Amino acid sequence: MKLFSEIQIEVGEWSSENFPGQEDINPLIGADEEMGELADTIEFDSEPDDEEIDAVGDILIFLADFCSIRGLDYQHAYELSQDRSPEHDDIFQEWAGAKGQLNCSVLKQRQGIKLDRDTVGKEAEHNALARIICTLDMFANNRGYTIEDAINFAWYDEVIDRDWDSSYRNSN
C-alpha cells in the first residue's frame, strides 16, 4: 500500500496552499490536539463513532504534513511500523512515549545540541513515527476499523476540500 506516500504528497500540497511557510511544529501540535480530542471523547465500551475515527485520521493527516515539511518519508515510517508492536497496552501511554521520542529529536535539532545521538535525526524520527503509526494501527484494528479507513474519512471526506483563510496566507 502506498497510501502514506500519496497522503504525504496530497496533504503537503494542500498545506502549502493553505498555510504557506508554516513551521513543522504546527502539525506536530495539531497531532497532539487531535489525540487530546480522542482522549476526551472515546468511549471504550461503545462502538467507534465518527468523532473517534476522525480524530485518528486527523492525527495521521497532521503527521503527513509534519513529514512533508521536514522532508521525512511517511511511507518508510509506515513500512517500519509493520514490524513493530506497541511497547505499552494503553494507547495514551504509548502515544506519550512515542511522541516524546519524536519531540526529543525535533527539539534537539532546533536547539542545535546532542546532534550526534541516535535519538536525534531522520532515522530517529522515522522510528518514532513508526511507533506512533503502529500504535494507531493496533488501536484502530482493536476498535473494528483500519487506519486507512480513518485517513479516508478524515482526509477525503473532510479536510481535502477545506480552504482556510489563514494568517499564513494573509502575510504573504
N, C-alpha and C. Protein backbone atom coordinates (compact mmCIF):
# COMPACT_ATOMS: atom_id res chain seq x y z
N MET A 1 0.83 -1.17 0.00
CA MET A 1 0.00 0.00 0.00
C MET A 1 0.88 1.24 0.00
N LYS A 2 0.61 2.16 -0.88
CA LYS A 2 1.36 3.41 -0.98
C LYS A 2 0.55 4.59 -0.47
N LEU A 3 -0.47 4.31 0.34
CA LEU A 3 -1.34 5.37 0.85
C LEU A 3 -0.55 6.45 1.57
N PHE A 4 0.47 6.05 2.33
CA PHE A 4 1.20 7.03 3.11
C PHE A 4 2.04 7.95 2.22
N SER A 5 2.57 7.44 1.13
CA SER A 5 3.26 8.31 0.16
C SER A 5 2.27 9.27 -0.48
N GLU A 6 1.14 8.73 -0.91
CA GLU A 6 0.13 9.55 -1.57
C GLU A 6 -0.41 10.63 -0.64
N ILE A 7 -0.71 10.25 0.58
CA ILE A 7 -1.30 11.20 1.51
C ILE A 7 -0.29 12.28 1.88
N GLN A 8 0.99 11.92 1.98
CA GLN A 8 2.01 12.92 2.28
C GLN A 8 2.08 13.97 1.17
N ILE A 9 2.04 13.53 -0.07
CA ILE A 9 2.08 14.47 -1.20
C ILE A 9 0.84 15.36 -1.20
N GLU A 10 -0.33 14.73 -1.10
CA GLU A 10 -1.58 15.48 -1.16
C GLU A 10 -1.70 16.48 -0.01
N VAL A 11 -1.41 16.02 1.20
CA VAL A 11 -1.50 16.89 2.37
C VAL A 11 -0.45 18.00 2.27
N GLY A 12 0.75 17.65 1.84
CA GLY A 12 1.80 18.65 1.71
C GLY A 12 1.41 19.76 0.75
N GLU A 13 0.83 19.40 -0.38
CA GLU A 13 0.39 20.40 -1.36
C GLU A 13 -0.74 21.25 -0.79
N TRP A 14 -1.71 20.60 -0.18
CA TRP A 14 -2.84 21.30 0.42
C TRP A 14 -2.35 22.25 1.52
N SER A 15 -1.46 21.78 2.36
CA SER A 15 -0.95 22.58 3.47
C SER A 15 -0.15 23.78 2.95
N SER A 16 0.67 23.56 1.93
CA SER A 16 1.46 24.66 1.36
C SER A 16 0.57 25.76 0.80
N GLU A 17 -0.58 25.36 0.28
CA GLU A 17 -1.52 26.34 -0.26
C GLU A 17 -2.27 27.05 0.86
N ASN A 18 -2.69 26.32 1.88
CA ASN A 18 -3.49 26.89 2.95
C ASN A 18 -2.68 27.54 4.06
N PHE A 19 -1.47 27.05 4.30
CA PHE A 19 -0.61 27.54 5.38
C PHE A 19 0.82 27.72 4.88
N PRO A 20 1.03 28.52 3.86
CA PRO A 20 2.36 28.63 3.26
C PRO A 20 3.41 29.09 4.27
N GLY A 21 4.52 28.36 4.30
CA GLY A 21 5.62 28.72 5.17
C GLY A 21 5.48 28.36 6.63
N GLN A 22 4.44 27.61 6.98
CA GLN A 22 4.29 27.27 8.40
C GLN A 22 5.43 26.37 8.84
N GLU A 23 5.76 26.45 10.11
CA GLU A 23 6.83 25.63 10.68
C GLU A 23 6.32 24.21 10.96
N ASP A 24 7.26 23.28 11.02
CA ASP A 24 6.93 21.88 11.28
C ASP A 24 6.28 21.66 12.64
N ILE A 25 6.48 22.57 13.55
CA ILE A 25 5.93 22.41 14.89
C ILE A 25 4.40 22.47 14.88
N ASN A 26 3.83 23.20 13.92
CA ASN A 26 2.37 23.34 13.88
C ASN A 26 1.65 22.00 13.70
N PRO A 27 2.00 21.20 12.68
CA PRO A 27 1.30 19.92 12.57
C PRO A 27 1.65 18.96 13.71
N LEU A 28 2.80 19.13 14.32
CA LEU A 28 3.15 18.30 15.48
C LEU A 28 2.21 18.63 16.64
N ILE A 29 1.96 19.90 16.84
CA ILE A 29 0.99 20.32 17.86
C ILE A 29 -0.41 19.88 17.47
N GLY A 30 -0.73 19.95 16.18
CA GLY A 30 -2.05 19.51 15.71
C GLY A 30 -2.31 18.06 16.00
N ALA A 31 -1.29 17.22 15.84
CA ALA A 31 -1.45 15.79 16.16
C ALA A 31 -1.77 15.62 17.64
N ASP A 32 -1.10 16.39 18.48
CA ASP A 32 -1.39 16.32 19.93
C ASP A 32 -2.80 16.81 20.24
N GLU A 33 -3.21 17.86 19.57
CA GLU A 33 -4.57 18.37 19.77
C GLU A 33 -5.60 17.28 19.47
N GLU A 34 -5.40 16.58 18.36
CA GLU A 34 -6.34 15.53 17.98
C GLU A 34 -6.29 14.35 18.96
N MET A 35 -5.11 14.02 19.47
CA MET A 35 -5.03 12.95 20.46
C MET A 35 -5.77 13.37 21.73
N GLY A 36 -5.69 14.64 22.06
CA GLY A 36 -6.46 15.15 23.20
C GLY A 36 -7.95 15.02 22.98
N GLU A 37 -8.40 15.32 21.76
CA GLU A 37 -9.82 15.16 21.44
C GLU A 37 -10.23 13.70 21.55
N LEU A 38 -9.37 12.82 21.06
CA LEU A 38 -9.66 11.39 21.16
C LEU A 38 -9.78 10.97 22.62
N ALA A 39 -8.83 11.42 23.43
CA ALA A 39 -8.85 11.07 24.86
C ALA A 39 -10.12 11.56 25.55
N ASP A 40 -10.58 12.74 25.17
CA ASP A 40 -11.76 13.31 25.80
C ASP A 40 -13.08 12.72 25.31
N THR A 41 -13.09 12.15 24.10
CA THR A 41 -14.37 11.69 23.55
C THR A 41 -14.53 10.18 23.49
N ILE A 42 -13.46 9.43 23.61
CA ILE A 42 -13.57 7.98 23.40
C ILE A 42 -14.39 7.31 24.49
N GLU A 43 -15.21 6.40 24.06
CA GLU A 43 -15.99 5.54 24.96
C GLU A 43 -15.56 4.11 24.65
N PHE A 44 -14.67 3.56 25.45
CA PHE A 44 -14.12 2.24 25.17
C PHE A 44 -15.16 1.13 25.20
N ASP A 45 -16.27 1.35 25.90
CA ASP A 45 -17.29 0.31 25.98
C ASP A 45 -18.38 0.47 24.91
N SER A 46 -18.16 1.40 23.97
CA SER A 46 -19.10 1.62 22.88
C SER A 46 -18.41 1.40 21.54
N GLU A 47 -19.21 1.23 20.51
CA GLU A 47 -18.69 1.13 19.15
C GLU A 47 -18.03 2.44 18.76
N PRO A 48 -17.03 2.41 17.90
CA PRO A 48 -16.39 3.65 17.45
C PRO A 48 -17.41 4.54 16.75
N ASP A 49 -17.31 5.85 17.00
CA ASP A 49 -18.18 6.80 16.31
C ASP A 49 -17.34 7.64 15.36
N ASP A 50 -18.02 8.51 14.64
CA ASP A 50 -17.34 9.35 13.65
C ASP A 50 -16.27 10.23 14.28
N GLU A 51 -16.53 10.74 15.49
CA GLU A 51 -15.54 11.60 16.17
C GLU A 51 -14.24 10.85 16.41
N GLU A 52 -14.34 9.61 16.84
CA GLU A 52 -13.15 8.80 17.10
C GLU A 52 -12.37 8.55 15.81
N ILE A 53 -13.07 8.09 14.80
CA ILE A 53 -12.41 7.77 13.53
C ILE A 53 -11.80 9.03 12.92
N ASP A 54 -12.50 10.14 13.02
CA ASP A 54 -11.99 11.41 12.51
C ASP A 54 -10.74 11.84 13.27
N ALA A 55 -10.73 11.69 14.59
CA ALA A 55 -9.57 12.07 15.38
C ALA A 55 -8.34 11.25 15.00
N VAL A 56 -8.52 9.95 14.84
CA VAL A 56 -7.39 9.09 14.43
C VAL A 56 -6.92 9.50 13.03
N GLY A 57 -7.86 9.73 12.13
CA GLY A 57 -7.49 10.18 10.79
C GLY A 57 -6.79 11.52 10.80
N ASP A 58 -7.29 12.45 11.59
CA ASP A 58 -6.67 13.77 11.66
C ASP A 58 -5.25 13.70 12.22
N ILE A 59 -5.02 12.83 13.18
CA ILE A 59 -3.66 12.64 13.69
C ILE A 59 -2.74 12.23 12.54
N LEU A 60 -3.18 11.27 11.77
CA LEU A 60 -2.38 10.76 10.66
C LEU A 60 -2.20 11.82 9.57
N ILE A 61 -3.19 12.67 9.37
CA ILE A 61 -3.09 13.76 8.40
C ILE A 61 -2.07 14.80 8.88
N PHE A 62 -2.15 15.16 10.14
CA PHE A 62 -1.18 16.11 10.69
C PHE A 62 0.24 15.55 10.58
N LEU A 63 0.40 14.26 10.82
CA LEU A 63 1.73 13.66 10.73
C LEU A 63 2.23 13.62 9.28
N ALA A 64 1.31 13.49 8.32
CA ALA A 64 1.70 13.56 6.91
C ALA A 64 2.24 14.95 6.59
N ASP A 65 1.59 15.95 7.13
CA ASP A 65 2.04 17.33 6.92
C ASP A 65 3.40 17.55 7.59
N PHE A 66 3.56 17.04 8.79
CA PHE A 66 4.83 17.13 9.50
C PHE A 66 5.95 16.51 8.66
N CYS A 67 5.70 15.33 8.13
CA CYS A 67 6.70 14.65 7.29
C CYS A 67 7.01 15.46 6.05
N SER A 68 5.99 16.03 5.45
CA SER A 68 6.19 16.82 4.24
C SER A 68 7.09 18.02 4.52
N ILE A 69 6.81 18.73 5.59
CA ILE A 69 7.59 19.92 5.92
C ILE A 69 9.02 19.55 6.28
N ARG A 70 9.21 18.45 7.01
CA ARG A 70 10.55 18.07 7.48
C ARG A 70 11.34 17.25 6.47
N GLY A 71 10.71 16.86 5.37
CA GLY A 71 11.41 16.05 4.38
C GLY A 71 11.60 14.62 4.82
N LEU A 72 10.67 14.12 5.64
CA LEU A 72 10.69 12.72 6.07
C LEU A 72 9.88 11.88 5.10
N ASP A 73 10.09 10.59 5.11
CA ASP A 73 9.39 9.66 4.22
C ASP A 73 8.31 8.93 5.03
N TYR A 74 7.08 9.41 4.91
CA TYR A 74 5.96 8.86 5.67
C TYR A 74 5.71 7.40 5.31
N GLN A 75 5.87 7.06 4.06
CA GLN A 75 5.70 5.67 3.63
C GLN A 75 6.72 4.78 4.31
N HIS A 76 7.94 5.24 4.41
CA HIS A 76 9.00 4.48 5.09
C HIS A 76 8.63 4.26 6.56
N ALA A 77 8.14 5.30 7.20
CA ALA A 77 7.71 5.16 8.60
C ALA A 77 6.60 4.13 8.71
N TYR A 78 5.64 4.17 7.77
CA TYR A 78 4.56 3.18 7.78
C TYR A 78 5.13 1.77 7.62
N GLU A 79 6.04 1.59 6.68
CA GLU A 79 6.63 0.27 6.46
C GLU A 79 7.39 -0.21 7.69
N LEU A 80 8.11 0.69 8.35
CA LEU A 80 8.79 0.32 9.61
C LEU A 80 7.77 -0.10 10.67
N SER A 81 6.61 0.53 10.67
CA SER A 81 5.59 0.23 11.68
C SER A 81 5.06 -1.19 11.57
N GLN A 82 5.16 -1.78 10.40
CA GLN A 82 4.62 -3.12 10.17
C GLN A 82 5.41 -4.21 10.89
N ASP A 83 6.62 -3.89 11.30
CA ASP A 83 7.46 -4.85 12.02
C ASP A 83 7.55 -4.55 13.51
N ARG A 84 6.65 -3.73 14.00
CA ARG A 84 6.68 -3.30 15.40
C ARG A 84 5.47 -3.81 16.16
N SER A 85 5.60 -3.76 17.45
CA SER A 85 4.47 -3.94 18.37
C SER A 85 4.54 -2.82 19.38
N PRO A 86 3.39 -2.34 19.84
CA PRO A 86 3.43 -1.30 20.86
C PRO A 86 4.18 -1.77 22.10
N GLU A 87 4.84 -0.86 22.77
CA GLU A 87 5.56 -1.17 23.99
C GLU A 87 4.63 -1.19 25.20
N HIS A 88 3.49 -0.51 25.08
CA HIS A 88 2.51 -0.43 26.17
C HIS A 88 1.14 -0.81 25.63
N ASP A 89 0.30 -1.38 26.49
CA ASP A 89 -1.06 -1.75 26.09
C ASP A 89 -1.99 -0.54 25.97
N ASP A 90 -1.72 0.49 26.73
CA ASP A 90 -2.56 1.67 26.77
C ASP A 90 -2.16 2.63 25.64
N ILE A 91 -3.10 2.99 24.78
CA ILE A 91 -2.80 3.86 23.64
C ILE A 91 -2.23 5.19 24.10
N PHE A 92 -2.73 5.73 25.20
CA PHE A 92 -2.29 7.05 25.63
C PHE A 92 -0.88 7.00 26.24
N GLN A 93 -0.55 5.92 26.91
CA GLN A 93 0.81 5.75 27.41
C GLN A 93 1.77 5.56 26.25
N GLU A 94 1.38 4.75 25.27
CA GLU A 94 2.22 4.52 24.10
C GLU A 94 2.40 5.82 23.30
N TRP A 95 1.32 6.57 23.15
CA TRP A 95 1.40 7.86 22.46
C TRP A 95 2.41 8.78 23.15
N ALA A 96 2.32 8.87 24.47
CA ALA A 96 3.22 9.75 25.21
C ALA A 96 4.68 9.34 25.01
N GLY A 97 4.96 8.05 25.05
CA GLY A 97 6.32 7.59 24.85
C GLY A 97 6.82 7.84 23.44
N ALA A 98 6.01 7.51 22.45
CA ALA A 98 6.40 7.70 21.05
C ALA A 98 6.53 9.18 20.71
N LYS A 99 5.59 9.97 21.16
CA LYS A 99 5.62 11.41 20.89
C LYS A 99 6.81 12.04 21.60
N GLY A 100 7.15 11.54 22.77
CA GLY A 100 8.34 12.03 23.47
C GLY A 100 9.60 11.78 22.66
N GLN A 101 9.69 10.61 22.03
CA GLN A 101 10.83 10.30 21.16
C GLN A 101 10.90 11.29 19.99
N LEU A 102 9.78 11.51 19.36
CA LEU A 102 9.73 12.42 18.21
C LEU A 102 10.08 13.85 18.64
N ASN A 103 9.48 14.28 19.73
CA ASN A 103 9.74 15.63 20.23
C ASN A 103 11.21 15.81 20.62
N CYS A 104 11.83 14.79 21.16
CA CYS A 104 13.24 14.86 21.53
C CYS A 104 14.09 15.20 20.31
N SER A 105 13.88 14.50 19.22
CA SER A 105 14.66 14.74 18.02
C SER A 105 14.43 16.15 17.47
N VAL A 106 13.17 16.55 17.41
CA VAL A 106 12.84 17.87 16.88
C VAL A 106 13.46 18.96 17.76
N LEU A 107 13.27 18.83 19.06
CA LEU A 107 13.78 19.84 19.99
C LEU A 107 15.29 19.95 19.94
N LYS A 108 15.99 18.82 20.00
CA LYS A 108 17.46 18.86 20.00
C LYS A 108 17.98 19.48 18.71
N GLN A 109 17.32 19.21 17.59
CA GLN A 109 17.75 19.82 16.33
C GLN A 109 17.48 21.32 16.33
N ARG A 110 16.36 21.72 16.88
CA ARG A 110 16.05 23.15 16.96
C ARG A 110 17.03 23.86 17.87
N GLN A 111 17.47 23.18 18.94
CA GLN A 111 18.43 23.76 19.87
C GLN A 111 19.87 23.64 19.38
N GLY A 112 20.09 22.73 18.42
CA GLY A 112 21.44 22.51 17.92
C GLY A 112 22.34 21.78 18.91
N ILE A 113 21.74 20.90 19.72
CA ILE A 113 22.52 20.16 20.72
C ILE A 113 22.30 18.66 20.56
N LYS A 114 23.25 17.89 21.03
CA LYS A 114 23.17 16.42 21.07
C LYS A 114 22.86 15.83 19.69
N LEU A 115 23.33 16.48 18.65
CA LEU A 115 23.02 16.06 17.28
C LEU A 115 23.68 14.74 16.90
N ASP A 116 24.66 14.29 17.67
CA ASP A 116 25.37 13.05 17.35
C ASP A 116 24.73 11.82 18.00
N ARG A 117 23.65 11.99 18.70
CA ARG A 117 22.99 10.86 19.37
C ARG A 117 22.05 10.14 18.42
N ASP A 118 21.84 8.86 18.67
CA ASP A 118 20.94 8.09 17.79
C ASP A 118 19.47 8.40 18.04
N THR A 119 19.19 9.24 19.02
CA THR A 119 17.81 9.66 19.30
C THR A 119 17.46 10.95 18.56
N VAL A 120 18.40 11.42 17.73
CA VAL A 120 18.21 12.68 17.02
C VAL A 120 18.47 12.46 15.53
N GLY A 121 17.60 12.99 14.69
CA GLY A 121 17.79 12.92 13.26
C GLY A 121 16.68 12.17 12.54
N LYS A 122 16.82 12.05 11.24
CA LYS A 122 15.77 11.44 10.42
C LYS A 122 15.47 10.01 10.81
N GLU A 123 16.50 9.21 11.06
CA GLU A 123 16.25 7.81 11.43
C GLU A 123 15.47 7.73 12.73
N ALA A 124 15.85 8.55 13.69
CA ALA A 124 15.14 8.58 14.98
C ALA A 124 13.69 9.01 14.78
N GLU A 125 13.48 9.97 13.91
CA GLU A 125 12.12 10.46 13.66
C GLU A 125 11.28 9.43 12.91
N HIS A 126 11.89 8.75 11.95
CA HIS A 126 11.17 7.67 11.25
C HIS A 126 10.77 6.58 12.24
N ASN A 127 11.66 6.24 13.16
CA ASN A 127 11.35 5.20 14.15
C ASN A 127 10.25 5.65 15.11
N ALA A 128 10.29 6.90 15.54
CA ALA A 128 9.24 7.42 16.42
C ALA A 128 7.90 7.44 15.68
N LEU A 129 7.91 7.88 14.43
CA LEU A 129 6.68 7.88 13.63
C LEU A 129 6.16 6.46 13.43
N ALA A 130 7.06 5.51 13.21
CA ALA A 130 6.65 4.11 13.07
C ALA A 130 5.96 3.62 14.34
N ARG A 131 6.49 4.02 15.47
CA ARG A 131 5.88 3.63 16.75
C ARG A 131 4.48 4.23 16.87
N ILE A 132 4.34 5.49 16.47
CA ILE A 132 3.02 6.14 16.52
C ILE A 132 2.04 5.44 15.57
N ILE A 133 2.47 5.20 14.35
CA ILE A 133 1.60 4.54 13.37
C ILE A 133 1.21 3.15 13.85
N CYS A 134 2.17 2.41 14.38
CA CYS A 134 1.90 1.08 14.91
C CYS A 134 0.83 1.14 16.00
N THR A 135 0.96 2.09 16.87
CA THR A 135 0.00 2.25 17.97
C THR A 135 -1.39 2.57 17.45
N LEU A 136 -1.47 3.51 16.51
CA LEU A 136 -2.78 3.87 15.96
C LEU A 136 -3.38 2.72 15.17
N ASP A 137 -2.53 1.97 14.48
CA ASP A 137 -2.98 0.82 13.71
C ASP A 137 -3.58 -0.25 14.62
N MET A 138 -2.87 -0.59 15.67
CA MET A 138 -3.38 -1.60 16.63
C MET A 138 -4.66 -1.11 17.29
N PHE A 139 -4.68 0.16 17.68
CA PHE A 139 -5.86 0.74 18.31
C PHE A 139 -7.07 0.64 17.38
N ALA A 140 -6.89 1.11 16.14
CA ALA A 140 -8.00 1.09 15.19
C ALA A 140 -8.47 -0.34 14.93
N ASN A 141 -7.53 -1.25 14.70
CA ASN A 141 -7.91 -2.64 14.45
C ASN A 141 -8.67 -3.24 15.63
N ASN A 142 -8.23 -2.94 16.83
CA ASN A 142 -8.93 -3.44 18.03
C ASN A 142 -10.32 -2.85 18.16
N ARG A 143 -10.52 -1.67 17.58
CA ARG A 143 -11.82 -0.99 17.66
C ARG A 143 -12.71 -1.33 16.47
N GLY A 144 -12.17 -2.06 15.47
CA GLY A 144 -13.00 -2.53 14.36
C GLY A 144 -12.91 -1.75 13.06
N TYR A 145 -11.89 -0.93 12.92
CA TYR A 145 -11.67 -0.22 11.66
C TYR A 145 -10.17 -0.20 11.40
N THR A 146 -9.77 0.42 10.31
CA THR A 146 -8.35 0.46 9.98
C THR A 146 -7.87 1.92 9.94
N ILE A 147 -6.56 2.09 9.98
CA ILE A 147 -6.04 3.46 9.84
C ILE A 147 -6.31 4.00 8.44
N GLU A 148 -6.40 3.10 7.47
CA GLU A 148 -6.75 3.53 6.12
C GLU A 148 -8.17 4.09 6.11
N ASP A 149 -9.10 3.42 6.82
CA ASP A 149 -10.47 3.93 6.95
C ASP A 149 -10.45 5.33 7.58
N ALA A 150 -9.64 5.49 8.62
CA ALA A 150 -9.57 6.76 9.33
C ALA A 150 -9.01 7.86 8.43
N ILE A 151 -7.95 7.55 7.68
CA ILE A 151 -7.37 8.54 6.76
C ILE A 151 -8.40 8.92 5.70
N ASN A 152 -9.05 7.93 5.11
CA ASN A 152 -10.05 8.20 4.08
C ASN A 152 -11.19 9.06 4.62
N PHE A 153 -11.63 8.75 5.83
CA PHE A 153 -12.72 9.51 6.44
C PHE A 153 -12.29 10.95 6.69
N ALA A 154 -11.13 11.12 7.33
CA ALA A 154 -10.69 12.47 7.71
C ALA A 154 -10.24 13.29 6.50
N TRP A 155 -9.45 12.69 5.62
CA TRP A 155 -8.88 13.45 4.52
C TRP A 155 -9.85 13.63 3.36
N TYR A 156 -10.30 12.51 2.81
CA TYR A 156 -11.10 12.58 1.58
C TYR A 156 -12.54 13.02 1.83
N ASP A 157 -13.06 12.76 3.03
CA ASP A 157 -14.44 13.14 3.31
C ASP A 157 -14.54 14.48 4.05
N GLU A 158 -13.43 14.99 4.56
CA GLU A 158 -13.49 16.19 5.39
C GLU A 158 -12.51 17.27 4.94
N VAL A 159 -11.24 17.06 5.16
CA VAL A 159 -10.23 18.12 5.10
C VAL A 159 -9.86 18.56 3.69
N ILE A 160 -9.75 17.65 2.75
CA ILE A 160 -9.21 17.96 1.43
C ILE A 160 -9.90 19.14 0.74
N ASP A 161 -11.17 19.34 1.00
CA ASP A 161 -11.92 20.41 0.35
C ASP A 161 -11.95 21.72 1.14
N ARG A 162 -11.31 21.73 2.30
CA ARG A 162 -11.29 22.96 3.11
C ARG A 162 -10.32 23.96 2.49
N ASP A 163 -10.73 25.20 2.53
CA ASP A 163 -9.90 26.28 2.02
C ASP A 163 -9.81 27.32 3.14
N TRP A 164 -8.70 27.29 3.88
CA TRP A 164 -8.55 28.15 5.04
C TRP A 164 -8.02 29.52 4.64
N ASP A 165 -8.57 30.54 5.24
CA ASP A 165 -8.08 31.91 5.08
C ASP A 165 -7.17 32.18 6.28
N SER A 166 -6.02 31.52 6.28
CA SER A 166 -5.13 31.54 7.44
C SER A 166 -4.25 32.78 7.48
N SER A 167 -3.70 33.04 8.64
CA SER A 167 -2.78 34.16 8.80
C SER A 167 -1.51 33.93 7.97
N TYR A 168 -1.18 32.68 7.68
CA TYR A 168 -0.02 32.39 6.83
C TYR A 168 -0.26 32.89 5.42
N ARG A 169 -1.45 32.68 4.93
CA ARG A 169 -1.80 33.14 3.58
C ARG A 169 -1.83 34.67 3.53
N ASN A 170 -2.37 35.26 4.57
CA ASN A 170 -2.56 36.69 4.58
C ASN A 170 -1.27 37.47 4.77
N SER A 171 -0.22 36.81 5.24
CA SER A 171 1.05 37.51 5.47
C SER A 171 1.95 37.46 4.24
N ASN A 172 1.57 36.71 3.22
CA ASN A 172 2.38 36.62 2.00
C ASN A 172 1.89 37.54 0.93
